[in-house]
Amino acid sequence: MFIDYYELLEISPNANSETIERIFRYFAMRYHPDNRDTGNESRFSEIVEAHNTLKDPVKRAQYDVQYRDHLSLRRELSEEASNAKGLERDVVIQAKLLSLLYVKRRQDVNNPGIGDEELERLSGCPREHLEFHLWYLKAKGWIARIENGMFAITVDGIDRANSEHRRDVAVTRLLDHTN
């Protein structure tokens, strides 16, 4: 797991070596295990590790490459989280998966399963994205793996699909009456 040494030491990534030393001494005294009031052994160890990395020019350069990669990932995460279309798309994919599994169960109640690859093909969602949706639907108890390893909709999943359908029908009726 990546540890942001700049954040840990509360310094800028542009901080010079004198600033790093000054801040390190301050935190080292504050968190040293011998300090009865504010001592914290694990925090002290983290600060020593951050200091040892950032004071060495070669280690710092190597760390800064990882730091920039980490910032890039955080920026991507933040951008995706602020994009409402991503959440809407997820809701549509999950509804589609429930619908596919609903129809399969209705068509053949004794053989209700759909395999991973077929779900990927039918949903139009690549496997790496499908994993999240399958995890979510399983965690909610709306789908489950059956004995043969395929996915099938559960009773709760059928109730969910039915309630979503009723809501959509009600909205459509309301929209029809306003025109």
C-alpha atoms as a PDB file:
ATOM      1  CA  MET A   1       0.000   0.000   0.000  1.00  0.00           C
ATOM      2  CA  PHE A   2       1.310   3.425  -0.951  1.00  0.00           C
ATOM      3  CA  ILE A   3       2.116   5.802   1.912  1.00  0.00           C
ATOM      4  CA  ASP A   4       2.193   9.505   1.088  1.00  0.00           C
ATOM      5  CA  TYR A   5       5.346  10.620   2.888  1.00  0.00           C
ATOM      6  CA  TYR A   6       4.721  14.256   2.019  1.00  0.00           C
ATOM      7  CA  GLU A   7       1.309  14.126   3.641  1.00  0.00           C
ATOM      8  CA  LEU A   8       2.691  12.162   6.582  1.00  0.00           C
ATOM      9  CA  LEU A   9       5.317  14.850   7.221  1.00  0.00           C
ATOM     10  CA  GLU A  10       2.862  17.619   6.284  1.00  0.00           C
ATOM     11  CA  ILE A  11       5.261  19.117   3.744  1.00  0.00           C
ATOM     12  CA  SER A  12       5.131  20.067   0.097  1.00  0.00           C
ATOM     13  CA  PRO A  13       6.585  17.700  -2.510  1.00  0.00           C
ATOM     14  CA  ASN A  14       8.804  20.679  -3.371  1.00  0.00           C
ATOM     15  CA  ALA A  15      10.246  20.898   0.155  1.00  0.00           C
ATOM     16  CA  ASN A  16      14.009  21.260   0.345  1.00  0.00           C
ATOM     17  CA  SER A  17      16.300  19.108   2.498  1.00  0.00           C
ATOM     18  CA  GLU A  18      16.466  21.699   5.318  1.00  0.00           C
ATOM     19  CA  THR A  19      12.666  21.731   5.608  1.00  0.00           C
ATOM     20  CA  ILE A  20      12.544  17.934   5.620  1.00  0.00           C
ATOM     21  CA  GLU A  21      15.115  17.803   8.441  1.00  0.00           C
ATOM     22  CA  ARG A  22      13.363  20.493  10.506  1.00  0.00           C
ATOM     23  CA  ILE A  23       9.941  18.859  10.213  1.00  0.00           C
ATOM     24  CA  PHE A  24      11.415  15.420  10.878  1.00  0.00           C
ATOM     25  CA  ARG A  25      13.049  16.613  14.116  1.00  0.00           C
ATOM     26  CA  TYR A  26       9.765  18.179  15.244  1.00  0.00           C
ATOM     27  CA  PHE A  27       7.729  15.007  14.592  1.00  0.00           C
ATOM     28  CA  ALA A  28      10.480  12.717  15.916  1.00  0.00           C
ATOM     29  CA  MET A  29      10.445  14.516  19.272  1.00  0.00           C
ATOM     30  CA  ARG A  30       6.649  14.560  19.327  1.00  0.00           C
ATOM     31  CA  TYR A  31       6.089  10.873  18.512  1.00  0.00           C
ATOM     32  CA  HIS A  32       9.212   9.295  19.993  1.00  0.00           C
ATOM     33  CA  PRO A  33       8.164   6.335  22.171  1.00  0.00           C
ATOM     34  CA  ASP A  34       9.986   7.910  25.159  1.00  0.00           C
ATOM     35  CA  ASN A  35       7.645  10.911  25.040  1.00  0.00           C
ATOM     36  CA  ARG A  36       5.057  10.091  27.715  1.00  0.00           C
ATOM     37  CA  ASP A  37       2.471  12.613  26.496  1.00  0.00           C
ATOM     38  CA  THR A  38       2.446  12.157  22.727  1.00  0.00           C
ATOM     39  CA  GLY A  39       4.659   9.132  22.064  1.00  0.00           C
ATOM     40  CA  ASN A  40       3.450   6.751  19.374  1.00  0.00           C
ATOM     41  CA  GLU A  41       5.804   3.990  18.271  1.00  0.00           C
ATOM     42  CA  SER A  42       4.082   3.133  14.975  1.00  0.00           C
ATOM     43  CA  ARG A  43       3.743   6.788  13.982  1.00  0.00           C
ATOM     44  CA  PHE A  44       7.396   7.355  14.912  1.00  0.00           C
ATOM     45  CA  SER A  45       8.462   4.425  12.696  1.00  0.00           C
ATOM     46  CA  GLU A  46       6.479   5.825   9.755  1.00  0.00           C
ATOM     47  CA  ILE A  47       8.102   9.240  10.209  1.00  0.00           C
ATOM     48  CA  VAL A  48      11.597   7.725  10.338  1.00  0.00           C
ATOM     49  CA  GLU A  49      10.856   5.739   7.166  1.00  0.00           C
ATOM     50  CA  ALA A  50       9.542   8.852   5.395  1.00  0.00           C
ATOM     51  CA  HIS A  51      12.572  10.864   6.496  1.00  0.00           C
ATOM     52  CA  ASN A  52      15.064   8.194   5.413  1.00  0.00           C
ATOM     53  CA  THR A  53      13.452   8.024   1.981  1.00  0.00           C
ATOM     54  CA  LEU A  54      13.083  11.759   1.362  1.00  0.00           C
ATOM     55  CA  LYS A  55      16.514  12.794   2.672  1.00  0.00           C
ATOM     56  CA  ASP A  56      18.338  10.506   0.206  1.00  0.00           C
ATOM     57  CA  PRO A  57      18.287  12.070  -3.311  1.00  0.00           C
ATOM     58  CA  VAL A  58      18.238   8.706  -5.129  1.00  0.00           C
ATOM     59  CA  LYS A  59      15.525   7.179  -2.919  1.00  0.00           C
ATOM     60  CA  ARG A  60      13.523  10.407  -3.143  1.00  0.00           C
ATOM     61  CA  ALA A  61      13.676  10.414  -6.953  1.00  0.00           C
ATOM     62  CA  GLN A  62      12.466   6.800  -7.012  1.00  0.00           C
ATOM     63  CA  TYR A  63       9.740   7.625  -4.504  1.00  0.00           C
ATOM     64  CA  ASP A  64       8.639  10.678  -6.507  1.00  0.00           C
ATOM     65  CA  VAL A  65       7.941   8.446  -9.525  1.00  0.00           C
ATOM     66  CA  GLN A  66       5.604   6.346  -7.371  1.00  0.00           C
ATOM     67  CA  TYR A  67       4.136   9.510  -5.849  1.00  0.00           C
ATOM     68  CA  ARG A  68       3.242  10.938  -9.283  1.00  0.00           C
ATOM     69  CA  ASP A  69       1.650   7.613 -10.274  1.00  0.00           C
ATOM     70  CA  HIS A  70      -0.348   7.643  -7.040  1.00  0.00           C
ATOM     71  CA  LEU A  71      -1.507  11.222  -7.678  1.00  0.00           C
ATOM     72  CA  SER A  72      -2.571  10.262 -11.177  1.00  0.00           C
ATOM     73  CA  LEU A  73      -4.640   7.348  -9.840  1.00  0.00           C
ATOM     74  CA  ARG A  74      -6.245   9.597  -7.209  1.00  0.00           C
ATOM     75  CA  ARG A  75      -7.087  12.171  -9.874  1.00  0.00           C
ATOM     76  CA  GLU A  76      -8.689   9.492 -12.082  1.00  0.00           C
ATOM     77  CA  LEU A  77     -10.666   8.183  -9.112  1.00  0.00           C
ATOM     78  CA  SER A  78     -11.846  11.671  -8.242  1.00  0.00           C
ATOM     79  CA  GLU A  79     -12.866  12.422 -11.828  1.00  0.00           C
ATOM     80  CA  GLU A  80     -14.799   9.170 -12.138  1.00  0.00           C
ATOM     81  CA  ALA A  81     -16.500   9.730  -8.775  1.00  0.00           C
ATOM     82  CA  SER A  82     -17.698  13.171  -9.858  1.00  0.00           C
ATOM     83  CA  ASN A  83     -19.061  11.830 -13.163  1.00  0.00           C
ATOM     84  CA  ALA A  84     -22.757  11.013 -12.557  1.00  0.00           C
ATOM     85  CA  LYS A  85     -22.955   9.245 -15.916  1.00  0.00           C
ATOM     86  CA  GLY A  86     -20.743   6.458 -14.548  1.00  0.00           C
ATOM     87  CA  LEU A  87     -23.198   5.765 -11.726  1.00  0.00           C
ATOM     88  CA  GLU A  88     -26.141   5.866 -14.129  1.00  0.00           C
ATOM     89  CA  ARG A  89     -24.345   3.435 -16.437  1.00  0.00           C
ATOM     90  CA  ASP A  90     -23.711   1.076 -13.493  1.00  0.00           C
ATOM     91  CA  VAL A  91     -27.402   1.096 -12.558  1.00  0.00           C
ATOM     92  CA  VAL A  92     -28.310   0.226 -16.152  1.00  0.00           C
ATOM     93  CA  ILE A  93     -25.792  -2.649 -16.287  1.00  0.00           C
ATOM     94  CA  GLN A  94     -27.009  -4.069 -12.972  1.00  0.00           C
ATOM     95  CA  ALA A  95     -30.642  -3.843 -14.102  1.00  0.00           C
ATOM     96  CA  LYS A  96     -29.705  -5.568 -17.368  1.00  0.00           C
ATOM     97  CA  LEU A  97     -27.947  -8.397 -15.530  1.00  0.00           C
ATOM     98  CA  LEU A  98     -30.951  -8.890 -13.252  1.00  0.00           C
ATOM     99  CA  SER A  99     -33.251  -8.827 -16.264  1.00  0.00           C
ATOM    100  CA  LEU A 100     -31.174 -11.421 -18.144  1.00  0.00           C
ATOM    101  CA  LEU A 101     -31.104 -13.732 -15.144  1.00  0.00           C
ATOM    102  CA  TYR A 102     -34.814 -13.127 -14.502  1.00  0.00           C
ATOM    103  CA  VAL A 103     -35.760 -14.149 -18.041  1.00  0.00           C
ATOM    104  CA  LYS A 104     -33.455 -17.180 -17.925  1.00  0.00           C
ATOM    105  CA  ARG A 105     -35.043 -18.383 -14.659  1.00  0.00           C
ATOM    106  CA  ARG A 106     -38.548 -17.776 -16.037  1.00  0.00           C
ATOM    107  CA  GLN A 107     -37.754 -19.707 -19.234  1.00  0.00           C
ATOM    108  CA  ASP A 108     -36.285 -22.713 -17.457  1.00  0.00           C
ATOM    109  CA  VAL A 109     -36.813 -22.762 -13.706  1.00  0.00           C
ATOM    110  CA  ASN A 110     -34.874 -26.048 -13.411  1.00  0.00           C
ATOM    111  CA  ASN A 111     -31.845 -24.734 -15.325  1.00  0.00           C
ATOM    112  CA  PRO A 112     -31.724 -21.026 -14.433  1.00  0.00           C
ATOM    113  CA  GLY A 113     -27.989 -20.356 -14.693  1.00  0.00           C
ATOM    114  CA  ILE A 114     -25.963 -18.242 -17.062  1.00  0.00           C
ATOM    115  CA  GLY A 115     -22.169 -18.583 -17.166  1.00  0.00           C
ATOM    116  CA  ASP A 116     -19.648 -15.790 -16.797  1.00  0.00           C
ATOM    117  CA  GLU A 117     -18.707 -15.614 -20.477  1.00  0.00           C
ATOM    118  CA  GLU A 118     -22.311 -15.633 -21.655  1.00  0.00           C
ATOM    119  CA  LEU A 119     -23.202 -12.886 -19.161  1.00  0.00           C
ATOM    120  CA  GLU A 120     -20.290 -10.870 -20.504  1.00  0.00           C
ATOM    121  CA  ARG A 121     -21.490 -11.355 -24.076  1.00  0.00           C
ATOM    122  CA  LEU A 122     -25.198 -10.749 -23.371  1.00  0.00           C
ATOM    123  CA  SER A 123     -24.619  -7.689 -21.189  1.00  0.00           C
ATOM    124  CA  GLY A 124     -22.022  -6.128 -23.478  1.00  0.00           C
ATOM    125  CA  CYS A 125     -19.924  -5.472 -20.391  1.00  0.00           C
ATOM    126  CA  PRO A 126     -16.259  -6.598 -20.365  1.00  0.00           C
ATOM    127  CA  ARG A 127     -15.271  -9.115 -17.690  1.00  0.00           C
ATOM    128  CA  GLU A 128     -13.130  -6.676 -15.713  1.00  0.00           C
ATOM    129  CA  HIS A 129     -16.149  -4.328 -15.341  1.00  0.00           C
ATOM    130  CA  LEU A 130     -18.644  -7.142 -14.881  1.00  0.00           C
ATOM    131  CA  GLU A 131     -16.858  -8.380 -11.754  1.00  0.00           C
ATOM    132  CA  PHE A 132     -17.917  -5.299  -9.784  1.00  0.00           C
ATOM    133  CA  HIS A 133     -21.562  -5.658 -10.772  1.00  0.00           C
ATOM    134  CA  LEU A 134     -21.643  -9.375 -10.040  1.00  0.00           C
ATOM    135  CA  TRP A 135     -20.008  -8.767  -6.667  1.00  0.00           C
ATOM    136  CA  TYR A 136     -22.609  -6.102  -5.838  1.00  0.00           C
ATOM    137  CA  LEU A 137     -25.609  -8.159  -6.957  1.00  0.00           C
ATOM    138  CA  LYS A 138     -24.310 -11.186  -5.010  1.00  0.00           C
ATOM    139  CA  ALA A 139     -23.669  -9.110  -1.894  1.00  0.00           C
ATOM    140  CA  LYS A 140     -27.232  -7.763  -2.040  1.00  0.00           C
ATOM    141  CA  GLY A 141     -28.504 -11.343  -2.296  1.00  0.00           C
ATOM    142  CA  TRP A 142     -30.136 -10.701  -5.679  1.00  0.00           C
ATOM    143  CA  ILE A 143     -28.058 -13.299  -7.537  1.00  0.00           C
ATOM    144  CA  ALA A 144     -26.091 -16.369  -6.482  1.00  0.00           C
ATOM    145  CA  ARG A 145     -23.798 -18.998  -7.917  1.00  0.00           C
ATOM    146  CA  ILE A 146     -25.635 -22.269  -8.262  1.00  0.00           C
ATOM    147  CA  GLU A 147     -24.233 -25.805  -8.003  1.00  0.00           C
ATOM    148  CA  ASN A 148     -22.871 -25.830 -11.571  1.00  0.00           C
ATOM    149  CA  GLY A 149     -20.972 -22.550 -11.028  1.00  0.00           C
ATOM    150  CA  MET A 150     -23.323 -20.400 -13.089  1.00  0.00           C
ATOM    151  CA  PHE A 151     -25.148 -17.308 -11.896  1.00  0.00           C
ATOM    152  CA  ALA A 152     -28.889 -17.348 -11.256  1.00  0.00           C
ATOM    153  CA  ILE A 153     -31.326 -14.796  -9.915  1.00  0.00           C
ATOM    154  CA  THR A 154     -32.639 -15.344  -6.376  1.00  0.00           C
ATOM    155  CA  VAL A 155     -36.145 -14.754  -5.046  1.00  0.00           C
ATOM    156  CA  ASP A 156     -34.961 -11.412  -3.659  1.00  0.00           C
ATOM    157  CA  GLY A 157     -33.516 -10.604  -7.085  1.00  0.00           C
ATOM    158  CA  ILE A 158     -36.871 -11.330  -8.725  1.00  0.00           C
ATOM    159  CA  ASP A 159     -38.584  -9.067  -6.195  1.00  0.00           C
ATOM    160  CA  ARG A 160     -36.035  -6.356  -6.939  1.00  0.00           C
ATOM    161  CA  ALA A 161     -36.476  -6.684 -10.705  1.00  0.00           C
ATOM    162  CA  ASN A 162     -40.269  -6.585 -10.306  1.00  0.00           C
ATOM    163  CA  SER A 163     -40.172  -3.508  -8.064  1.00  0.00           C
ATOM    164  CA  GLU A 164     -37.909  -1.689 -10.540  1.00  0.00           C
ATOM    165  CA  HIS A 165     -40.263  -2.598 -13.391  1.00  0.00           C
ATOM    166  CA  ARG A 166     -43.301  -1.320 -11.440  1.00  0.00           C
ATOM    167  CA  ARG A 167     -41.483   1.948 -10.703  1.00  0.00           C
ATOM    168  CA  ASP A 168     -40.576   2.391 -14.372  1.00  0.00           C
ATOM    169  CA  VAL A 169     -44.190   1.694 -15.416  1.00  0.00           C
ATOM    170  CA  ALA A 170     -45.497   4.222 -12.877  1.00  0.00           C
ATOM    171  CA  VAL A 171     -43.091   6.897 -14.144  1.00  0.00           C
ATOM    172  CA  THR A 172     -44.099   6.172 -17.744  1.00  0.00           C
ATOM    173  CA  ARG A 173     -47.782   6.497 -16.820  1.00  0.00           C
ATOM    174  CA  LEU A 174     -47.146   9.795 -15.049  1.00  0.00           C
ATOM    175  CA  LEU A 175     -45.271  11.106 -18.068  1.00  0.00           C
ATOM    176  CA  ASP A 176     -48.071   9.967 -20.410  1.00  0.00           C
ATOM    177  CA  HIS A 177     -50.666  11.882 -18.336  1.00  0.00           C
ATOM    178  CA  THR A 178     -48.690  15.134 -18.358  1.00  0.00           C
ATOM    179  CA  ASN A 179     -48.523  15.353 -22.153  1.00  0.00           C
END
